[in-house]
Amino acid sequence: MLAEDSTLLREGLVRLLTEEGHEVPAAVGDAAALVREVAARPPDLVVVDIRMPPTHTDEGLRAALEIRERWPGVGVLVLSQHMERNYAAQLLTSNAERVGYLLKDRVAQVEEFLDALERVRAGGAVLDPEVVRQLVVRTTHSDPLARLTPRERSVLETLAQGYTNAAIAEKLHISLSAVEKNLNTVFDKLDLTRTTGYNRRILAVLRYLES
């Protein structure tokens, strides 16, 4: 299901997804309508713009958070015109599964957009590469991220985009064992313990957002 107040973009997304073999049972222009549609027939995944009518502030985000709370099995991919770090943090803090945060420009990169949809639908967490890049640039010497080596930073950056260890190895052209070794070092440097009940991969991404 889609929620986007721009008719042109909404219809374009419907056509793209339909042509790629996806079913789009509802495409609406405001967040309240999206929640009603999900309540009537929960889909596998929703795509929602953050800024929606009537105020064009955070209606889409609030709808996304409500959907995640009421229907945790529904994947949520949020689109944003500009990077909103606090919004990304809110989405991931509650439950960093079946959730994604992409800049709208990413939609034009069709393969990347469709890949993000599939990863969210499969239960992953996806962050836009540009969001991750800006978060890396913002780190300071007092931040634990500043202690990472360039290789460790690259591995964590790719992890934050929602990729599995095998996919990280392929993208960075390194071995799977090297990915695992670097991630373990990253977790140690970020003081992420092996406490039962916590996913260190998700905590590492959250550390990006909190930096």
Foldseek 3Di string as FASTA:
>chain_A
DEEAQPPVVQVVVCVLQVVVPDDDPDHYHFLVVVLVVCVVPNDLEYEYEQQGPDVRDGRRLVSQVVCCVPPVNHAYEYEYQDDDLVSLLVNLVVPQWLYEYEYPVCVVVVVVVVVLNVLSSVIWYAYYLVNLVVLLVPDDPVALSVPADPVLSLLLSVLLRTDDLVVSCVVVVHDSVVSVVSVVVSLVSNVPDPDPPDDSSSVSSSSSSVD
